[in-house]
């Protein structure tokens, strides 16, 4: 009978040790998976941030090109207006002087 009690105690003791080992293993696995999740999340956030920066740079470049194109068009229009103004100004001055000389003459 004593042998049977000893075997029961030994089996119980072994069961407690196994339970402790499995609990430790579960805690380690949990920590490992949590660590992997954190790493995965950080990688995805870094990738999303990089993609956002690339998109932002692309948009900025597009805006700068558009702005440069508009400035060039405006500059051309200003030059054309300036040339046309000078032509008209010369014609008006010539007409005014002709009328003055005709009026005096």
PDB file of N, CA and C in Angstrom:
ATOM      1  N   UNK A   1       0.807  -1.180   0.000  1.00  0.00           N
ATOM      2  CA  UNK A   1       0.000   0.000   0.000  1.00  0.00           C
ATOM      3  C   UNK A   1       0.862   1.261   0.000  1.00  0.00           C
ATOM      4  N   UNK A   2       1.910   1.169   0.762  1.00  0.00           N
ATOM      5  CA  UNK A   2       2.822   2.303   0.810  1.00  0.00           C
ATOM      6  C   UNK A   2       3.457   2.560  -0.559  1.00  0.00           C
ATOM      7  N   UNK A   3       3.757   1.514  -1.262  1.00  0.00           N
ATOM      8  CA  UNK A   3       4.321   1.649  -2.611  1.00  0.00           C
ATOM      9  C   UNK A   3       3.334   2.346  -3.552  1.00  0.00           C
ATOM     10  N   UNK A   4       2.093   1.985  -3.420  1.00  0.00           N
ATOM     11  CA  UNK A   4       1.055   2.594  -4.262  1.00  0.00           C
ATOM     12  C   UNK A   4       0.942   4.076  -3.935  1.00  0.00           C
ATOM     13  N   UNK A   5       0.978   4.434  -2.656  1.00  0.00           N
ATOM     14  CA  UNK A   5       0.921   5.842  -2.238  1.00  0.00           C
ATOM     15  C   UNK A   5       2.139   6.599  -2.765  1.00  0.00           C
ATOM     16  N   UNK A   6       3.258   5.943  -2.698  1.00  0.00           N
ATOM     17  CA  UNK A   6       4.485   6.576  -3.187  1.00  0.00           C
ATOM     18  C   UNK A   6       4.406   6.808  -4.687  1.00  0.00           C
ATOM     19  N   UNK A   7       3.876   5.830  -5.392  1.00  0.00           N
ATOM     20  CA  UNK A   7       3.724   5.974  -6.843  1.00  0.00           C
ATOM     21  C   UNK A   7       2.724   7.093  -7.167  1.00  0.00           C
ATOM     22  N   UNK A   8       1.648   7.188  -6.419  1.00  0.00           N
ATOM     23  CA  UNK A   8       0.655   8.253  -6.630  1.00  0.00           C
ATOM     24  C   UNK A   8       1.288   9.618  -6.381  1.00  0.00           C
ATOM     25  N   UNK A   9       2.081   9.726  -5.310  1.00  0.00           N
ATOM     26  CA  UNK A   9       2.763  10.982  -4.996  1.00  0.00           C
ATOM     27  C   UNK A   9       3.750  11.313  -6.105  1.00  0.00           C
ATOM     28  N   UNK A  10       4.454  10.315  -6.568  1.00  0.00           N
ATOM     29  CA  UNK A  10       5.436  10.528  -7.635  1.00  0.00           C
ATOM     30  C   UNK A  10       4.726  10.957  -8.923  1.00  0.00           C
ATOM     31  N   UNK A  11       3.633  10.308  -9.273  1.00  0.00           N
ATOM     32  CA  UNK A  11       2.865  10.672 -10.470  1.00  0.00           C
ATOM     33  C   UNK A  11       2.317  12.088 -10.325  1.00  0.00           C
ATOM     34  N   UNK A  12       1.806  12.403  -9.139  1.00  0.00           N
ATOM     35  CA  UNK A  12       1.278  13.740  -8.874  1.00  0.00           C
ATOM     36  C   UNK A  12       2.380  14.782  -8.982  1.00  0.00           C
ATOM     37  N   UNK A  13       3.516  14.457  -8.442  1.00  0.00           N
ATOM     38  CA  UNK A  13       4.665  15.363  -8.499  1.00  0.00           C
ATOM     39  C   UNK A  13       5.097  15.589  -9.946  1.00  0.00           C
ATOM     40  N   UNK A  14       5.154  14.508 -10.699  1.00  0.00           N
ATOM     41  CA  UNK A  14       5.526  14.598 -12.118  1.00  0.00           C
ATOM     42  C   UNK A  14       4.490  15.419 -12.881  1.00  0.00           C
ATOM     43  N   UNK A  15       3.234  15.245 -12.574  1.00  0.00           N
ATOM     44  CA  UNK A  15       2.161  16.000 -13.224  1.00  0.00           C
ATOM     45  C   UNK A  15       2.311  17.495 -12.917  1.00  0.00           C
ATOM     46  N   UNK A  16       2.639  17.829 -11.696  1.00  0.00           N
ATOM     47  CA  UNK A  16       2.838  19.242 -11.324  1.00  0.00           C
ATOM     48  C   UNK A  16       4.032  19.835 -12.074  1.00  0.00           C
ATOM     49  N   UNK A  17       5.104  19.053 -12.165  1.00  0.00           N
ATOM     50  CA  UNK A  17       6.279  19.530 -12.914  1.00  0.00           C
ATOM     51  C   UNK A  17       5.923  19.754 -14.381  1.00  0.00           C
ATOM     52  N   UNK A  18       5.211  18.790 -14.970  1.00  0.00           N
ATOM     53  CA  UNK A  18       4.798  18.925 -16.376  1.00  0.00           C
ATOM     54  C   UNK A  18       3.902  20.141 -16.568  1.00  0.00           C
ATOM     55  N   UNK A  19       2.970  20.335 -15.635  1.00  0.00           N
ATOM     56  CA  UNK A  19       2.074  21.488 -15.711  1.00  0.00           C
ATOM     57  C   UNK A  19       2.884  22.776 -15.674  1.00  0.00           C
ATOM     58  N   UNK A  20       3.850  22.853 -14.770  1.00  0.00           N
ATOM     59  CA  UNK A  20       4.700  24.045 -14.663  1.00  0.00           C
ATOM     60  C   UNK A  20       5.498  24.277 -15.946  1.00  0.00           C
ATOM     61  N   UNK A  21       6.062  23.189 -16.489  1.00  0.00           N
ATOM     62  CA  UNK A  21       6.836  23.306 -17.734  1.00  0.00           C
ATOM     63  C   UNK A  21       5.963  23.797 -18.876  1.00  0.00           C
ATOM     64  N   UNK A  22       4.740  23.236 -18.994  1.00  0.00           N
ATOM     65  CA  UNK A  22       3.841  23.655 -20.068  1.00  0.00           C
ATOM     66  C   UNK A  22       3.379  25.096 -19.886  1.00  0.00           C
ATOM     67  N   UNK A  23       3.158  25.503 -18.664  1.00  0.00           N
ATOM     68  CA  UNK A  23       2.779  26.899 -18.412  1.00  0.00           C
ATOM     69  C   UNK A  23       3.914  27.833 -18.803  1.00  0.00           C
ATOM     70  N   UNK A  24       5.141  27.467 -18.453  1.00  0.00           N
ATOM     71  CA  UNK A  24       6.304  28.278 -18.843  1.00  0.00           C
ATOM     72  C   UNK A  24       6.443  28.319 -20.362  1.00  0.00           C
ATOM     73  N   UNK A  25       6.251  27.162 -20.985  1.00  0.00           N
ATOM     74  CA  UNK A  25       6.323  27.094 -22.446  1.00  0.00           C
ATOM     75  C   UNK A  25       5.249  27.978 -23.085  1.00  0.00           C
ATOM     76  N   UNK A  26       4.044  27.932 -22.540  1.00  0.00           N
ATOM     77  CA  UNK A  26       2.965  28.775 -23.058  1.00  0.00           C
ATOM     78  C   UNK A  26       3.283  30.258 -22.895  1.00  0.00           C
ATOM     79  N   UNK A  27       3.846  30.629 -21.754  1.00  0.00           N
ATOM     80  CA  UNK A  27       4.212  32.032 -21.525  1.00  0.00           C
ATOM     81  C   UNK A  27       5.287  32.457 -22.519  1.00  0.00           C
ATOM     82  N   UNK A  28       6.288  31.588 -22.729  1.00  0.00           N
ATOM     83  CA  UNK A  28       7.355  31.915 -23.695  1.00  0.00           C
ATOM     84  C   UNK A  28       6.787  32.062 -25.101  1.00  0.00           C
ATOM     85  N   UNK A  29       5.908  31.134 -25.497  1.00  0.00           N
ATOM     86  CA  UNK A  29       5.295  31.206 -26.833  1.00  0.00           C
ATOM     87  C   UNK A  29       4.442  32.468 -26.972  1.00  0.00           C
ATOM     88  N   UNK A  30       3.696  32.784 -25.926  1.00  0.00           N
ATOM     89  CA  UNK A  30       2.875  33.999 -25.943  1.00  0.00           C
ATOM     90  C   UNK A  30       3.768  35.219 -26.140  1.00  0.00           C
ATOM     91  N   UNK A  31       4.841  35.301 -25.363  1.00  0.00           N
ATOM     92  CA  UNK A  31       5.766  36.432 -25.484  1.00  0.00           C
ATOM     93  C   UNK A  31       6.416  36.471 -26.865  1.00  0.00           C
ATOM     94  N   UNK A  32       6.766  35.302 -27.387  1.00  0.00           N
ATOM     95  CA  UNK A  32       7.377  35.226 -28.717  1.00  0.00           C
ATOM     96  C   UNK A  32       6.413  35.745 -29.781  1.00  0.00           C
ATOM     97  N   UNK A  33       5.150  35.301 -29.723  1.00  0.00           N
ATOM     98  CA  UNK A  33       4.165  35.746 -30.703  1.00  0.00           C
ATOM     99  C   UNK A  33       3.835  37.228 -30.556  1.00  0.00           C
ATOM    100  N   UNK A  34       3.779  37.701 -29.324  1.00  0.00           N
ATOM    101  CA  UNK A  34       3.548  39.137 -29.114  1.00  0.00           C
ATOM    102  C   UNK A  34       4.696  39.945 -29.686  1.00  0.00           C
ATOM    103  N   UNK A  35       5.903  39.456 -29.490  1.00  0.00           N
ATOM    104  CA  UNK A  35       7.077  40.134 -30.040  1.00  0.00           C
ATOM    105  C   UNK A  35       7.031  40.154 -31.566  1.00  0.00           C
ATOM    106  N   UNK A  36       6.648  39.012 -32.142  1.00  0.00           N
ATOM    107  CA  UNK A  36       6.532  38.946 -33.601  1.00  0.00           C
ATOM    108  C   UNK A  36       5.466  39.905 -34.111  1.00  0.00           C
ATOM    109  N   UNK A  37       4.351  39.992 -33.378  1.00  0.00           N
ATOM    110  CA  UNK A  37       3.284  40.916 -33.772  1.00  0.00           C
ATOM    111  C   UNK A  37       3.756  42.369 -33.721  1.00  0.00           C
ATOM    112  N   UNK A  38       4.485  42.701 -32.678  1.00  0.00           N
ATOM    113  CA  UNK A  38       5.002  44.068 -32.542  1.00  0.00           C
ATOM    114  C   UNK A  38       5.969  44.371 -33.686  1.00  0.00           C
ATOM    115  N   UNK A  39       6.847  43.420 -33.972  1.00  0.00           N
ATOM    116  CA  UNK A  39       7.802  43.604 -35.069  1.00  0.00           C
ATOM    117  C   UNK A  39       7.068  43.758 -36.397  1.00  0.00           C
ATOM    118  N   UNK A  40       6.088  42.898 -36.638  1.00  0.00           N
ATOM    119  CA  UNK A  40       5.302  42.959 -37.872  1.00  0.00           C
ATOM    120  C   UNK A  40       4.573  44.293 -38.000  1.00  0.00           C
ATOM    121  N   UNK A  41       3.955  44.708 -36.905  1.00  0.00           N
ATOM    122  CA  UNK A  41       3.234  45.982 -36.908  1.00  0.00           C
ATOM    123  C   UNK A  41       4.179  47.144 -37.194  1.00  0.00           C
ATOM    124  N   UNK A  42       5.342  47.138 -36.528  1.00  0.00           N
ATOM    125  CA  UNK A  42       6.306  48.219 -36.741  1.00  0.00           C
ATOM    126  C   UNK A  42       6.812  48.245 -38.180  1.00  0.00           C
ATOM    127  N   UNK A  43       7.027  47.062 -38.758  1.00  0.00           N
ATOM    128  CA  UNK A  43       7.461  47.002 -40.154  1.00  0.00           C
ATOM    129  C   UNK A  43       6.385  47.557 -41.079  1.00  0.00           C
ATOM    130  N   UNK A  44       5.143  47.177 -40.830  1.00  0.00           N
ATOM    131  CA  UNK A  44       4.048  47.656 -41.674  1.00  0.00           C
ATOM    132  C   UNK A  44       3.841  49.162 -41.524  1.00  0.00           C
ATOM    133  N   UNK A  45       3.990  49.653 -40.308  1.00  0.00           N
ATOM    134  CA  UNK A  45       3.861  51.097 -40.085  1.00  0.00           C
ATOM    135  C   UNK A  45       4.997  51.830 -40.798  1.00  0.00           C
ATOM    136  N   UNK A  46       6.211  51.303 -40.701  1.00  0.00           N
ATOM    137  CA  UNK A  46       7.352  51.930 -41.374  1.00  0.00           C
ATOM    138  C   UNK A  46       7.151  51.915 -42.888  1.00  0.00           C
ATOM    139  N   UNK A  47       6.645  50.806 -43.420  1.00  0.00           N
ATOM    140  CA  UNK A  47       6.389  50.713 -44.853  1.00  0.00           C
ATOM    141  C   UNK A  47       5.297  51.693 -45.276  1.00  0.00           C
ATOM    142  N   UNK A  48       4.241  51.780 -44.496  1.00  0.00           N
ATOM    143  CA  UNK A  48       3.157  52.722 -44.802  1.00  0.00           C
ATOM    144  C   UNK A  48       3.662  54.162 -44.744  1.00  0.00           C
ATOM    145  N   UNK A  49       4.509  54.444 -43.760  1.00  0.00           N
ATOM    146  CA  UNK A  49       5.078  55.791 -43.639  1.00  0.00           C
ATOM    147  C   UNK A  49       5.943  56.117 -44.850  1.00  0.00           C
ATOM    148  N   UNK A  50       6.753  55.153 -45.274  1.00  0.00           N
ATOM    149  CA  UNK A  50       7.614  55.363 -46.443  1.00  0.00           C
ATOM    150  C   UNK A  50       6.768  55.580 -47.697  1.00  0.00           C
ATOM    151  N   UNK A  51       5.718  54.769 -47.847  1.00  0.00           N
ATOM    152  CA  UNK A  51       4.821  54.940 -49.000  1.00  0.00           C
ATOM    153  C   UNK A  51       4.152  56.308 -48.976  1.00  0.00           C
ATOM    154  N   UNK A  52       3.725  56.739 -47.806  1.00  0.00           N
ATOM    155  CA  UNK A  52       3.092  58.056 -47.673  1.00  0.00           C
ATOM    156  C   UNK A  52       4.077  59.166 -48.036  1.00  0.00           C
ATOM    157  N   UNK A  53       5.323  59.020 -47.586  1.00  0.00           N
ATOM    158  CA  UNK A  53       6.344  60.024 -47.918  1.00  0.00           C
ATOM    159  C   UNK A  53       6.602  60.054 -49.424  1.00  0.00           C
ATOM    160  N   UNK A  54       6.645  58.882 -50.048  1.00  0.00           N
ATOM    161  CA  UNK A  54       6.853  58.825 -51.496  1.00  0.00           C
ATOM    162  C   UNK A  54       5.699  59.478 -52.244  1.00  0.00           C
ATOM    163  N   UNK A  55       4.492  59.205 -51.803  1.00  0.00           N
ATOM    164  CA  UNK A  55       3.318  59.825 -52.434  1.00  0.00           C
ATOM    165  C   UNK A  55       3.357  61.338 -52.242  1.00  0.00           C
ATOM    166  N   UNK A  56       3.712  61.771 -51.032  1.00  0.00           N
ATOM    167  CA  UNK A  56       3.790  63.204 -50.744  1.00  0.00           C
ATOM    168  C   UNK A  56       4.823  63.874 -51.642  1.00  0.00           C
ATOM    169  N   UNK A  57       6.000  63.236 -51.771  1.00  0.00           N
ATOM    170  CA  UNK A  57       7.052  63.801 -52.636  1.00  0.00           C
ATOM    171  C   UNK A  57       6.581  63.865 -54.081  1.00  0.00           C
ATOM    172  N   UNK A  58       5.894  62.830 -54.515  1.00  0.00           N
ATOM    173  CA  UNK A  58       5.378  62.796 -55.882  1.00  0.00           C
ATOM    174  C   UNK A  58       4.376  63.925 -56.112  1.00  0.00           C
ATOM    175  N   UNK A  59       3.497  64.121 -55.150  1.00  0.00           N
ATOM    176  CA  UNK A  59       2.517  65.203 -55.256  1.00  0.00           C
ATOM    177  C   UNK A  59       3.217  66.559 -55.262  1.00  0.00           C
ATOM    178  N   UNK A  60       4.207  66.713 -54.373  1.00  0.00           N
ATOM    179  CA  UNK A  60       4.958  67.975 -54.340  1.00  0.00           C
ATOM    180  C   UNK A  60       5.634  68.255 -55.673  1.00  0.00           C
ATOM    181  N   UNK A  61       6.280  67.233 -56.238  1.00  0.00           N
ATOM    182  CA  UNK A  61       6.952  67.404 -57.530  1.00  0.00           C
ATOM    183  C   UNK A  61       5.953  67.780 -58.619  1.00  0.00           C
ATOM    184  N   UNK A  62       4.804  67.130 -58.596  1.00  0.00           N
ATOM    185  CA  UNK A  62       3.768  67.428 -59.585  1.00  0.00           C
ATOM    186  C   UNK A  62       3.289  68.874 -59.443  1.00  0.00           C
ATOM    187  N   UNK A  63       3.092  69.295 -58.217  1.00  0.00           N
ATOM    188  CA  UNK A  63       2.652  70.678 -57.966  1.00  0.00           C
ATOM    189  C   UNK A  63       3.715  71.668 -58.422  1.00  0.00           C
ATOM    190  N   UNK A  64       4.992  71.361 -58.124  1.00  0.00           N
ATOM    191  CA  UNK A  64       6.076  72.259 -58.532  1.00  0.00           C
ATOM    192  C   UNK A  64       6.158  72.356 -60.056  1.00  0.00           C
ATOM    193  N   UNK A  65       6.000  71.215 -60.752  1.00  0.00           N
ATOM    194  CA  UNK A  65       6.028  71.244 -62.218  1.00  0.00           C
ATOM    195  C   UNK A  65       4.859  72.051 -62.756  1.00  0.00           C
ATOM    196  N   UNK A  66       3.686  71.847 -62.178  1.00  0.00           N
ATOM    197  CA  UNK A  66       2.500  72.577 -62.609  1.00  0.00           C
ATOM    198  C   UNK A  66       2.680  74.076 -62.374  1.00  0.00           C
ATOM    199  N   UNK A  67       3.229  74.400 -61.218  1.00  0.00           N
ATOM    200  CA  UNK A  67       3.468  75.812 -60.888  1.00  0.00           C
ATOM    201  C   UNK A  67       4.472  76.433 -61.855  1.00  0.00           C
ATOM    202  N   UNK A  68       5.540  75.703 -62.163  1.00  0.00           N
ATOM    203  CA  UNK A  68       6.551  76.209 -63.105  1.00  0.00           C
ATOM    204  C   UNK A  68       5.932  76.408 -64.486  1.00  0.00           C
ATOM    205  N   UNK A  69       5.091  75.457 -64.895  1.00  0.00           N
ATOM    206  CA  UNK A  69       4.425  75.568 -66.193  1.00  0.00           C
ATOM    207  C   UNK A  69       3.517  76.794 -66.236  1.00  0.00           C
ATOM    208  N   UNK A  70       2.759  77.003 -65.157  1.00  0.00           N
ATOM    209  CA  UNK A  70       1.866  78.170 -65.099  1.00  0.00           C
ATOM    210  C   UNK A  70       2.660  79.472 -65.083  1.00  0.00           C
ATOM    211  N   UNK A  71       3.779  79.486 -64.346  1.00  0.00           N
ATOM    212  CA  UNK A  71       4.618  80.694 -64.319  1.00  0.00           C
ATOM    213  C   UNK A  71       5.165  80.989 -65.710  1.00  0.00           C
ATOM    214  N   UNK A  72       5.557  79.937 -66.428  1.00  0.00           N
ATOM    215  CA  UNK A  72       6.077  80.128 -67.779  1.00  0.00           C
ATOM    216  C   UNK A  72       4.995  80.690 -68.690  1.00  0.00           C
ATOM    217  N   UNK A  73       3.771  80.152 -68.593  1.00  0.00           N
ATOM    218  CA  UNK A  73       2.661  80.653 -69.404  1.00  0.00           C
ATOM    219  C   UNK A  73       2.354  82.107 -69.068  1.00  0.00           C
ATOM    220  N   UNK A  74       2.375  82.418 -67.781  1.00  0.00           N
ATOM    221  CA  UNK A  74       2.108  83.791 -67.347  1.00  0.00           C
ATOM    222  C   UNK A  74       3.198  84.718 -67.869  1.00  0.00           C
ATOM    223  N   UNK A  75       4.434  84.275 -67.773  1.00  0.00           N
ATOM    224  CA  UNK A  75       5.554  85.084 -68.258  1.00  0.00           C
ATOM    225  C   UNK A  75       5.423  85.349 -69.752  1.00  0.00           C
ATOM    226  N   UNK A  76       5.055  84.314 -70.513  1.00  0.00           N
ATOM    227  CA  UNK A  76       4.860  84.497 -71.960  1.00  0.00           C
ATOM    228  C   UNK A  76       3.732  85.475 -72.229  1.00  0.00           C
ATOM    229  N   UNK A  77       2.634  85.331 -71.485  1.00  0.00           N
ATOM    230  CA  UNK A  77       1.500  86.231 -71.676  1.00  0.00           C
ATOM    231  C   UNK A  77       1.892  87.672 -71.340  1.00  0.00           C
ATOM    232  N   UNK A  78       2.635  87.853 -70.259  1.00  0.00           N
ATOM    233  CA  UNK A  78       3.089  89.197 -69.867  1.00  0.00           C
ATOM    234  C   UNK A  78       3.984  89.778 -70.951  1.00  0.00           C
ATOM    235  N   UNK A  79       4.881  88.972 -71.482  1.00  0.00           N
ATOM    236  CA  UNK A  79       5.769  89.448 -72.551  1.00  0.00           C
ATOM    237  C   UNK A  79       4.969  89.832 -73.792  1.00  0.00           C
ATOM    238  N   UNK A  80       3.998  89.004 -74.167  1.00  0.00           N
ATOM    239  CA  UNK A  80       3.160  89.323 -75.325  1.00  0.00           C
ATOM    240  C   UNK A  80       2.379  90.609 -75.099  1.00  0.00           C
ATOM    241  N   UNK A  81       1.835  90.764 -73.911  1.00  0.00           N
ATOM    242  CA  UNK A  81       1.091  91.985 -73.584  1.00  0.00           C
ATOM    243  C   UNK A  81       2.021  93.189 -73.622  1.00  0.00           C
ATOM    244  N   UNK A  82       3.203  93.015 -73.084  1.00  0.00           N
ATOM    245  CA  UNK A  82       4.172  94.114 -73.067  1.00  0.00           C
ATOM    246  C   UNK A  82       4.561  94.524 -74.487  1.00  0.00           C
ATOM    247  N   UNK A  83       4.811  93.539 -75.335  1.00  0.00           N
ATOM    248  CA  UNK A  83       5.162  93.831 -76.737  1.00  0.00           C
ATOM    249  C   UNK A  83       3.989  94.527 -77.424  1.00  0.00           C
ATOM    250  N   UNK A  84       2.804  93.988 -77.234  1.00  0.00           N
ATOM    251  CA  UNK A  84       1.614  94.590 -77.869  1.00  0.00           C
ATOM    252  C   UNK A  84       1.367  95.998 -77.343  1.00  0.00           C
ATOM    253  N   UNK A  85       1.565  96.193 -76.056  1.00  0.00           N
ATOM    254  CA  UNK A  85       1.404  97.526 -75.459  1.00  0.00           C
ATOM    255  C   UNK A  85       2.397  98.508 -76.082  1.00  0.00           C
ATOM    256  N   UNK A  86       3.626  98.059 -76.230  1.00  0.00           N
ATOM    257  CA  UNK A  86       4.646  98.933 -76.838  1.00  0.00           C
ATOM    258  C   UNK A  86       4.273  99.293 -78.265  1.00  0.00           C
ATOM    259  N   UNK A  87       3.768  98.327 -79.031  1.00  0.00           N
ATOM    260  CA  UNK A  87       3.357  98.604 -80.412  1.00  0.00           C
ATOM    261  C   UNK A  87       2.220  99.622 -80.440  1.00  0.00           C
ATOM    262  N   UNK A  88       1.229  99.403 -79.602  1.00  0.00           N
ATOM    263  CA  UNK A  88       0.079 100.315 -79.565  1.00  0.00           C
ATOM    264  C   UNK A  88       0.505 101.689 -79.079  1.00  0.00           C
ATOM    265  N   UNK A  89       1.390 101.700 -78.080  1.00  0.00           N
ATOM    266  CA  UNK A  89       1.880 102.976 -77.548  1.00  0.00           C
ATOM    267  C   UNK A  89       2.589 103.766 -78.650  1.00  0.00           C
ATOM    268  N   UNK A  90       3.415 103.079 -79.419  1.00  0.00           N
ATOM    269  CA  UNK A  90       4.113 103.759 -80.518  1.00  0.00           C
ATOM    270  C   UNK A  90       3.127 104.292 -81.555  1.00  0.00           C
ATOM    271  N   UNK A  91       2.132 103.497 -81.904  1.00  0.00           N
ATOM    272  CA  UNK A  91       1.126 103.939 -82.872  1.00  0.00           C
ATOM    273  C   UNK A  91       0.358 105.153 -82.343  1.00  0.00           C
ATOM    274  N   UNK A  92      -0.026 105.111 -81.071  1.00  0.00           N
ATOM    275  CA  UNK A  92      -0.764 106.231 -80.484  1.00  0.00           C
ATOM    276  C   UNK A  92       0.079 107.498 -80.457  1.00  0.00           C
ATOM    277  N   UNK A  93       1.333 107.348 -80.030  1.00  0.00           N
ATOM    278  CA  UNK A  93       2.205 108.523 -80.003  1.00  0.00           C
ATOM    279  C   UNK A  93       2.384 109.103 -81.412  1.00  0.00           C
ATOM    280  N   UNK A  94       2.547 108.226 -82.362  1.00  0.00           N
ATOM    281  CA  UNK A  94       2.717 108.695 -83.742  1.00  0.00           C
ATOM    282  C   UNK A  94       1.450 109.399 -84.225  1.00  0.00           C
ATOM    283  N   UNK A  95       0.281 108.821 -83.909  1.00  0.00           N
ATOM    284  CA  UNK A  95      -0.984 109.457 -84.301  1.00  0.00           C
ATOM    285  C   UNK A  95      -1.161 110.801 -83.607  1.00  0.00           C
ATOM    286  N   UNK A  96      -0.819 110.870 -82.330  1.00  0.00           N
ATOM    287  CA  UNK A  96      -0.960 112.123 -81.576  1.00  0.00           C
ATOM    288  C   UNK A  96      -0.043 113.189 -82.165  1.00  0.00           C
ATOM    289  N   UNK A  97       1.213 112.833 -82.436  1.00  0.00           N
ATOM    290  CA  UNK A  97       2.143 113.820 -82.997  1.00  0.00           C
ATOM    291  C   UNK A  97       1.707 114.256 -84.396  1.00  0.00           C
ATOM    292  N   UNK A  98       1.204 113.311 -85.181  1.00  0.00           N
ATOM    293  CA  UNK A  98       0.719 113.667 -86.535  1.00  0.00           C
ATOM    294  C   UNK A  98      -0.439 114.647 -86.423  1.00  0.00           C
ATOM    295  N   UNK A  99      -1.363 114.394 -85.516  1.00  0.00           N
ATOM    296  CA  UNK A  99      -2.509 115.280 -85.349  1.00  0.00           C
ATOM    297  C   UNK A  99      -2.077 116.651 -84.819  1.00  0.00           C
ATOM    298  N   UNK A 100      -1.069 116.665 -83.937  1.00  0.00           N
ATOM    299  CA  UNK A 100      -0.562 117.925 -83.433  1.00  0.00           C
ATOM    300  C   UNK A 100       0.079 118.739 -84.558  1.00  0.00           C
ATOM    301  N   UNK A 101       0.879 118.061 -85.362  1.00  0.00           N
ATOM    302  CA  UNK A 101       1.551 118.773 -86.443  1.00  0.00           C
ATOM    303  C   UNK A 101       0.558 119.221 -87.514  1.00  0.00           C
ATOM    304  N   UNK A 102      -0.488 118.408 -87.761  1.00  0.00           N
ATOM    305  CA  UNK A 102      -1.503 118.781 -88.737  1.00  0.00           C
ATOM    306  C   UNK A 102      -2.295 119.960 -88.210  1.00  0.00           C
ATOM    307  N   UNK A 103      -2.573 119.927 -86.873  1.00  0.00           N
ATOM    308  CA  UNK A 103      -3.334 120.996 -86.264  1.00  0.00           C
ATOM    309  C   UNK A 103      -2.523 122.302 -86.289  1.00  0.00           C
ATOM    310  N   UNK A 104      -1.224 122.250 -86.147  1.00  0.00           N
ATOM    311  CA  UNK A 104      -0.373 123.426 -86.163  1.00  0.00           C
ATOM    312  C   UNK A 104      -0.113 123.913 -87.560  1.00  0.00           C
ATOM    313  N   UNK A 105      -0.141 123.041 -88.460  1.00  0.00           N
ATOM    314  CA  UNK A 105       0.276 123.336 -89.819  1.00  0.00           C
ATOM    315  C   UNK A 105      -0.785 123.813 -90.692  1.00  0.00           C
TER     316      UNK A 105
END
